Structures are given as C-alpha cells and as structure tokens.
Amino acid sequence: MAAMATTAGGYGGTRNWTFLTNHGHVLLAIARNPTARLRDVADEVGVTERAAQAIVADLEAGGYLVRTRVGRRNEYTLNPAGRFRHPAEADRQVGALLALFTEEPAPDAS
C-alpha cells in the first residue's frame, strides 16, 4: 500500500498533489473569467462538470461568490473580503490569493 501512495499520479512518478484545493482552483478560474461556462471551468480545473457545480454551490453558500443569471448564462461576482476557512489562515481574506494569481506578471527587470 505504501508503494501505491508514492507512485500515484503523473508528476515524475511521485504522488499527485497540489497546494490549492479544487475549490481554490474553481474560485481562481471564475476570477479570471466571471462569465465562463461551468463546463469550461471544470475543464480548466480538471474536474467533472457536476463537481464544478457542487463547488460553485459551496462557494456561493459560503459567501465567496454570487451567481447572477444574465440571459442564458451565469455571471459571477466574487467577494474578495471573504475569509479563509482554515483556522491557520482565518485572519486573511481570499482577495489576497485572487490578486496573487489574477494580476498580470510584472515585466522582467533583466
């Protein structure tokens, strides 16, 4: 069983894990494109469309985003003042994470 834990995933034979959860990835995908279809968000994150729907419902229930119907599409408004849920980061707002991953990178100084 230990061998399975160390060889699962596709990154050089090591365990497949990331620093951000799927909830974080969905929030960032929506921050980058607030009118994205959930199908596209799911593809970007690497989850099923149903999983993306459940994650968006969680984020909406938690107050991290608001879904507004515009014609046949949804448009999302994010709440950057929302706090992280884990006690270790509860004093921080998710807006800092959104800014980190959605701002244009600064030009290379070299």
N, C-alpha and C. Protein backbone atom coordinates (compact mmCIF):
# COMPACT_ATOMS: atom_id res chain seq x y z
N MET A 1 0.81 -1.19 0.00
CA MET A 1 0.00 0.00 0.00
C MET A 1 0.86 1.26 0.00
N ALA A 2 1.98 1.23 0.69
CA ALA A 2 2.87 2.40 0.71
C ALA A 2 3.41 2.69 -0.67
N ALA A 3 3.65 1.66 -1.47
CA ALA A 3 4.15 1.86 -2.82
C ALA A 3 3.12 2.59 -3.67
N MET A 4 1.84 2.29 -3.46
CA MET A 4 0.79 2.97 -4.21
C MET A 4 0.77 4.45 -3.87
N ALA A 5 0.98 4.78 -2.62
CA ALA A 5 0.91 6.17 -2.19
C ALA A 5 2.04 7.00 -2.78
N THR A 6 3.18 6.38 -3.04
CA THR A 6 4.31 7.16 -3.55
C THR A 6 4.39 7.17 -5.06
N THR A 7 3.64 6.28 -5.74
CA THR A 7 3.75 6.24 -7.19
C THR A 7 2.49 6.71 -7.89
N ALA A 8 1.46 7.06 -7.18
CA ALA A 8 0.24 7.54 -7.81
C ALA A 8 0.48 8.90 -8.43
N GLY A 9 -0.19 9.17 -9.52
CA GLY A 9 -0.08 10.48 -10.17
C GLY A 9 0.88 10.45 -11.33
N GLY A 10 1.00 11.56 -11.99
CA GLY A 10 1.79 11.61 -13.20
C GLY A 10 2.97 12.56 -13.17
N TYR A 11 3.36 13.08 -12.03
CA TYR A 11 4.45 14.04 -11.97
C TYR A 11 5.75 13.33 -11.59
N GLY A 12 6.40 12.71 -12.58
CA GLY A 12 7.67 12.07 -12.33
C GLY A 12 7.58 10.88 -11.39
N GLY A 13 6.44 10.20 -11.34
CA GLY A 13 6.30 9.04 -10.50
C GLY A 13 6.07 9.35 -9.04
N THR A 14 5.87 10.60 -8.68
CA THR A 14 5.62 10.96 -7.30
C THR A 14 4.13 11.14 -7.08
N ARG A 15 3.74 11.29 -5.84
CA ARG A 15 2.32 11.50 -5.53
C ARG A 15 1.80 12.75 -6.20
N ASN A 16 0.59 12.67 -6.67
CA ASN A 16 -0.05 13.79 -7.35
C ASN A 16 -0.82 14.63 -6.33
N TRP A 17 -0.28 15.80 -5.96
CA TRP A 17 -0.96 16.70 -5.05
C TRP A 17 -0.63 18.13 -5.44
N THR A 18 -1.46 19.07 -5.00
CA THR A 18 -1.23 20.48 -5.28
C THR A 18 -1.44 21.27 -3.99
N PHE A 19 -0.96 22.50 -3.98
CA PHE A 19 -1.13 23.35 -2.81
C PHE A 19 -2.55 23.86 -2.68
N LEU A 20 -3.25 24.05 -3.78
CA LEU A 20 -4.61 24.56 -3.75
C LEU A 20 -5.61 23.42 -3.94
N THR A 21 -6.74 23.54 -3.29
CA THR A 21 -7.82 22.57 -3.45
C THR A 21 -8.59 22.86 -4.74
N ASN A 22 -9.48 21.96 -5.10
CA ASN A 22 -10.33 22.21 -6.25
C ASN A 22 -11.20 23.43 -6.03
N HIS A 23 -11.61 23.69 -4.79
CA HIS A 23 -12.39 24.90 -4.50
C HIS A 23 -11.56 26.15 -4.84
N GLY A 24 -10.30 26.15 -4.46
CA GLY A 24 -9.43 27.28 -4.78
C GLY A 24 -9.24 27.42 -6.28
N HIS A 25 -9.07 26.31 -6.98
CA HIS A 25 -8.88 26.37 -8.43
C HIS A 25 -10.14 26.88 -9.13
N VAL A 26 -11.31 26.45 -8.68
CA VAL A 26 -12.56 26.94 -9.28
C VAL A 26 -12.72 28.43 -9.02
N LEU A 27 -12.44 28.87 -7.81
CA LEU A 27 -12.55 30.30 -7.49
C LEU A 27 -11.62 31.12 -8.37
N LEU A 28 -10.41 30.64 -8.58
CA LEU A 28 -9.46 31.36 -9.44
C LEU A 28 -9.89 31.35 -10.89
N ALA A 29 -10.41 30.24 -11.37
CA ALA A 29 -10.88 30.17 -12.76
C ALA A 29 -12.01 31.17 -12.99
N ILE A 30 -12.90 31.28 -12.02
CA ILE A 30 -14.01 32.23 -12.15
C ILE A 30 -13.50 33.66 -12.01
N ALA A 31 -12.50 33.88 -11.17
CA ALA A 31 -11.92 35.22 -11.04
C ALA A 31 -11.32 35.67 -12.36
N ARG A 32 -10.70 34.74 -13.08
CA ARG A 32 -10.09 35.07 -14.37
C ARG A 32 -11.13 35.30 -15.46
N ASN A 33 -12.28 34.62 -15.35
CA ASN A 33 -13.33 34.74 -16.36
C ASN A 33 -14.69 34.61 -15.69
N PRO A 34 -15.25 35.73 -15.20
CA PRO A 34 -16.51 35.69 -14.45
C PRO A 34 -17.73 35.26 -15.26
N THR A 35 -17.62 35.17 -16.57
CA THR A 35 -18.75 34.72 -17.38
C THR A 35 -18.49 33.34 -17.99
N ALA A 36 -17.50 32.64 -17.48
CA ALA A 36 -17.16 31.32 -18.01
C ALA A 36 -18.29 30.32 -17.77
N ARG A 37 -18.47 29.41 -18.72
CA ARG A 37 -19.41 28.31 -18.53
C ARG A 37 -18.78 27.32 -17.56
N LEU A 38 -19.61 26.68 -16.75
CA LEU A 38 -19.08 25.71 -15.79
C LEU A 38 -18.36 24.56 -16.49
N ARG A 39 -18.77 24.24 -17.68
CA ARG A 39 -18.08 23.20 -18.45
C ARG A 39 -16.62 23.61 -18.69
N ASP A 40 -16.42 24.88 -19.00
CA ASP A 40 -15.06 25.37 -19.24
C ASP A 40 -14.26 25.45 -17.94
N VAL A 41 -14.92 25.85 -16.87
CA VAL A 41 -14.26 25.90 -15.56
C VAL A 41 -13.84 24.48 -15.16
N ALA A 42 -14.73 23.52 -15.34
CA ALA A 42 -14.43 22.13 -15.00
C ALA A 42 -13.24 21.62 -15.80
N ASP A 43 -13.20 21.93 -17.08
CA ASP A 43 -12.08 21.50 -17.92
C ASP A 43 -10.77 22.12 -17.45
N GLU A 44 -10.81 23.41 -17.12
CA GLU A 44 -9.60 24.10 -16.67
C GLU A 44 -9.07 23.51 -15.36
N VAL A 45 -9.99 23.18 -14.46
CA VAL A 45 -9.60 22.69 -13.14
C VAL A 45 -9.26 21.19 -13.18
N GLY A 46 -9.89 20.47 -14.11
CA GLY A 46 -9.65 19.03 -14.19
C GLY A 46 -10.62 18.22 -13.36
N VAL A 47 -11.86 18.72 -13.24
CA VAL A 47 -12.91 18.01 -12.52
C VAL A 47 -14.10 17.84 -13.46
N THR A 48 -15.08 17.07 -13.04
CA THR A 48 -16.28 16.91 -13.84
C THR A 48 -17.14 18.17 -13.73
N GLU A 49 -18.05 18.33 -14.66
CA GLU A 49 -18.94 19.48 -14.62
C GLU A 49 -19.81 19.43 -13.36
N ARG A 50 -20.23 18.24 -12.98
CA ARG A 50 -21.04 18.09 -11.77
C ARG A 50 -20.24 18.50 -10.53
N ALA A 51 -18.97 18.14 -10.48
CA ALA A 51 -18.13 18.54 -9.36
C ALA A 51 -17.97 20.07 -9.33
N ALA A 52 -17.79 20.67 -10.51
CA ALA A 52 -17.68 22.13 -10.58
C ALA A 52 -18.96 22.79 -10.09
N GLN A 53 -20.11 22.22 -10.45
CA GLN A 53 -21.39 22.76 -9.97
C GLN A 53 -21.48 22.70 -8.45
N ALA A 54 -21.07 21.57 -7.88
CA ALA A 54 -21.11 21.41 -6.42
C ALA A 54 -20.16 22.39 -5.74
N ILE A 55 -18.99 22.59 -6.33
CA ILE A 55 -18.02 23.52 -5.75
C ILE A 55 -18.55 24.95 -5.82
N VAL A 56 -19.13 25.33 -6.94
CA VAL A 56 -19.71 26.68 -7.06
C VAL A 56 -20.83 26.85 -6.04
N ALA A 57 -21.64 25.83 -5.84
CA ALA A 57 -22.71 25.90 -4.83
C ALA A 57 -22.10 26.10 -3.44
N ASP A 58 -21.02 25.38 -3.12
CA ASP A 58 -20.33 25.56 -1.84
C ASP A 58 -19.81 26.98 -1.69
N LEU A 59 -19.16 27.49 -2.75
CA LEU A 59 -18.59 28.84 -2.69
C LEU A 59 -19.68 29.89 -2.56
N GLU A 60 -20.81 29.66 -3.22
CA GLU A 60 -21.93 30.59 -3.13
C GLU A 60 -22.53 30.55 -1.72
N ALA A 61 -22.72 29.36 -1.18
CA ALA A 61 -23.27 29.22 0.18
C ALA A 61 -22.33 29.82 1.22
N GLY A 62 -21.04 29.75 0.96
CA GLY A 62 -20.05 30.31 1.89
C GLY A 62 -19.86 31.81 1.75
N GLY A 63 -20.52 32.42 0.77
CA GLY A 63 -20.42 33.87 0.59
C GLY A 63 -19.21 34.32 -0.20
N TYR A 64 -18.54 33.39 -0.89
CA TYR A 64 -17.35 33.75 -1.66
C TYR A 64 -17.68 34.25 -3.06
N LEU A 65 -18.88 33.94 -3.54
CA LEU A 65 -19.30 34.45 -4.84
C LEU A 65 -20.81 34.53 -4.90
N VAL A 66 -21.29 35.34 -5.84
CA VAL A 66 -22.71 35.49 -6.11
C VAL A 66 -22.92 35.16 -7.57
N ARG A 67 -23.91 34.33 -7.84
CA ARG A 67 -24.23 33.93 -9.21
C ARG A 67 -25.43 34.74 -9.66
N THR A 68 -25.31 35.38 -10.83
CA THR A 68 -26.39 36.17 -11.40
C THR A 68 -26.68 35.64 -12.79
N ARG A 69 -27.95 35.43 -13.07
CA ARG A 69 -28.35 34.97 -14.40
C ARG A 69 -28.40 36.16 -15.34
N VAL A 70 -27.68 36.07 -16.47
CA VAL A 70 -27.67 37.11 -17.49
C VAL A 70 -28.02 36.42 -18.81
N GLY A 71 -29.28 36.56 -19.22
CA GLY A 71 -29.73 35.84 -20.42
C GLY A 71 -29.68 34.35 -20.16
N ARG A 72 -28.97 33.64 -20.99
CA ARG A 72 -28.85 32.19 -20.85
C ARG A 72 -27.59 31.78 -20.08
N ARG A 73 -26.82 32.74 -19.63
CA ARG A 73 -25.54 32.45 -18.97
C ARG A 73 -25.57 32.91 -17.52
N ASN A 74 -24.61 32.43 -16.76
CA ASN A 74 -24.39 32.91 -15.40
C ASN A 74 -23.20 33.85 -15.41
N GLU A 75 -23.29 34.85 -14.57
CA GLU A 75 -22.16 35.74 -14.34
C GLU A 75 -21.87 35.70 -12.85
N TYR A 76 -20.61 35.66 -12.51
CA TYR A 76 -20.22 35.51 -11.11
C TYR A 76 -19.53 36.76 -10.62
N THR A 77 -19.89 37.17 -9.41
CA THR A 77 -19.24 38.28 -8.73
C THR A 77 -18.57 37.70 -7.49
N LEU A 78 -17.28 37.94 -7.36
CA LEU A 78 -16.53 37.38 -6.24
C LEU A 78 -16.52 38.34 -5.06
N ASN A 79 -16.40 37.79 -3.88
CA ASN A 79 -16.30 38.56 -2.65
C ASN A 79 -14.87 38.46 -2.13
N PRO A 80 -14.01 39.41 -2.48
CA PRO A 80 -12.61 39.32 -2.04
C PRO A 80 -12.43 39.50 -0.54
N ALA A 81 -13.46 39.96 0.16
CA ALA A 81 -13.36 40.15 1.61
C ALA A 81 -13.64 38.86 2.38
N GLY A 82 -14.03 37.80 1.66
CA GLY A 82 -14.27 36.52 2.33
C GLY A 82 -13.00 36.03 3.00
N ARG A 83 -13.16 35.39 4.13
CA ARG A 83 -12.01 34.90 4.92
C ARG A 83 -11.74 33.44 4.58
N PHE A 84 -10.48 33.04 4.69
CA PHE A 84 -10.13 31.64 4.54
C PHE A 84 -10.82 30.84 5.65
N ARG A 85 -11.14 29.60 5.37
CA ARG A 85 -11.91 28.79 6.31
C ARG A 85 -11.05 28.08 7.35
N HIS A 86 -9.80 27.79 7.04
CA HIS A 86 -8.95 27.08 7.99
C HIS A 86 -8.50 28.04 9.08
N PRO A 87 -8.51 27.60 10.34
CA PRO A 87 -8.12 28.50 11.44
C PRO A 87 -6.73 29.11 11.28
N ALA A 88 -5.82 28.42 10.61
CA ALA A 88 -4.46 28.95 10.45
C ALA A 88 -4.42 30.18 9.55
N GLU A 89 -5.41 30.31 8.66
CA GLU A 89 -5.45 31.45 7.73
C GLU A 89 -6.71 32.30 7.89
N ALA A 90 -7.50 32.05 8.92
CA ALA A 90 -8.80 32.70 9.06
C ALA A 90 -8.70 34.22 9.18
N ASP A 91 -7.53 34.74 9.51
CA ASP A 91 -7.36 36.19 9.62
C ASP A 91 -7.07 36.83 8.26
N ARG A 92 -6.98 36.03 7.21
CA ARG A 92 -6.66 36.52 5.86
C ARG A 92 -7.88 36.49 4.96
N GLN A 93 -7.93 37.43 4.01
CA GLN A 93 -9.01 37.48 3.03
C GLN A 93 -8.60 36.77 1.76
N VAL A 94 -9.57 36.14 1.09
CA VAL A 94 -9.27 35.42 -0.15
C VAL A 94 -8.88 36.37 -1.27
N GLY A 95 -9.18 37.65 -1.13
CA GLY A 95 -8.79 38.63 -2.13
C GLY A 95 -7.30 38.65 -2.37
N ALA A 96 -6.51 38.39 -1.34
CA ALA A 96 -5.05 38.35 -1.50
C ALA A 96 -4.64 37.20 -2.40
N LEU A 97 -5.28 36.05 -2.25
CA LEU A 97 -5.00 34.91 -3.13
C LEU A 97 -5.43 35.21 -4.55
N LEU A 98 -6.60 35.79 -4.70
CA LEU A 98 -7.10 36.14 -6.04
C LEU A 98 -6.15 37.12 -6.72
N ALA A 99 -5.68 38.11 -5.98
CA ALA A 99 -4.76 39.10 -6.56
C ALA A 99 -3.45 38.44 -6.97
N LEU A 100 -2.98 37.52 -6.17
CA LEU A 100 -1.72 36.84 -6.45
C LEU A 100 -1.77 36.08 -7.78
N PHE A 101 -2.90 35.44 -8.05
CA PHE A 101 -3.00 34.60 -9.24
C PHE A 101 -3.72 35.23 -10.42
N THR A 102 -4.28 36.41 -10.27
CA THR A 102 -5.00 37.01 -11.38
C THR A 102 -4.34 38.28 -11.90
N GLU A 103 -3.39 38.84 -11.15
CA GLU A 103 -2.70 40.03 -11.64
C GLU A 103 -1.75 39.66 -12.77
N GLU A 104 -1.55 40.61 -13.67
CA GLU A 104 -0.59 40.42 -14.75
C GLU A 104 0.81 40.41 -14.15
N PRO A 105 1.67 39.49 -14.56
CA PRO A 105 3.03 39.49 -14.01
C PRO A 105 3.78 40.75 -14.42
N ALA A 106 4.63 41.21 -13.52
CA ALA A 106 5.45 42.40 -13.80
C ALA A 106 6.46 42.06 -14.88
N PRO A 107 6.81 43.05 -15.71
CA PRO A 107 7.82 42.80 -16.73
C PRO A 107 9.14 42.37 -16.12
N ASP A 108 9.86 41.51 -16.81
CA ASP A 108 11.15 41.02 -16.33
C ASP A 108 12.14 42.19 -16.27
N ALA A 109 12.79 42.36 -15.14
CA ALA A 109 13.68 43.51 -14.93
C ALA A 109 15.05 43.31 -15.60
N SER A 110 15.33 42.12 -16.10
CA SER A 110 16.69 41.88 -16.64
C SER A 110 16.86 42.40 -17.99
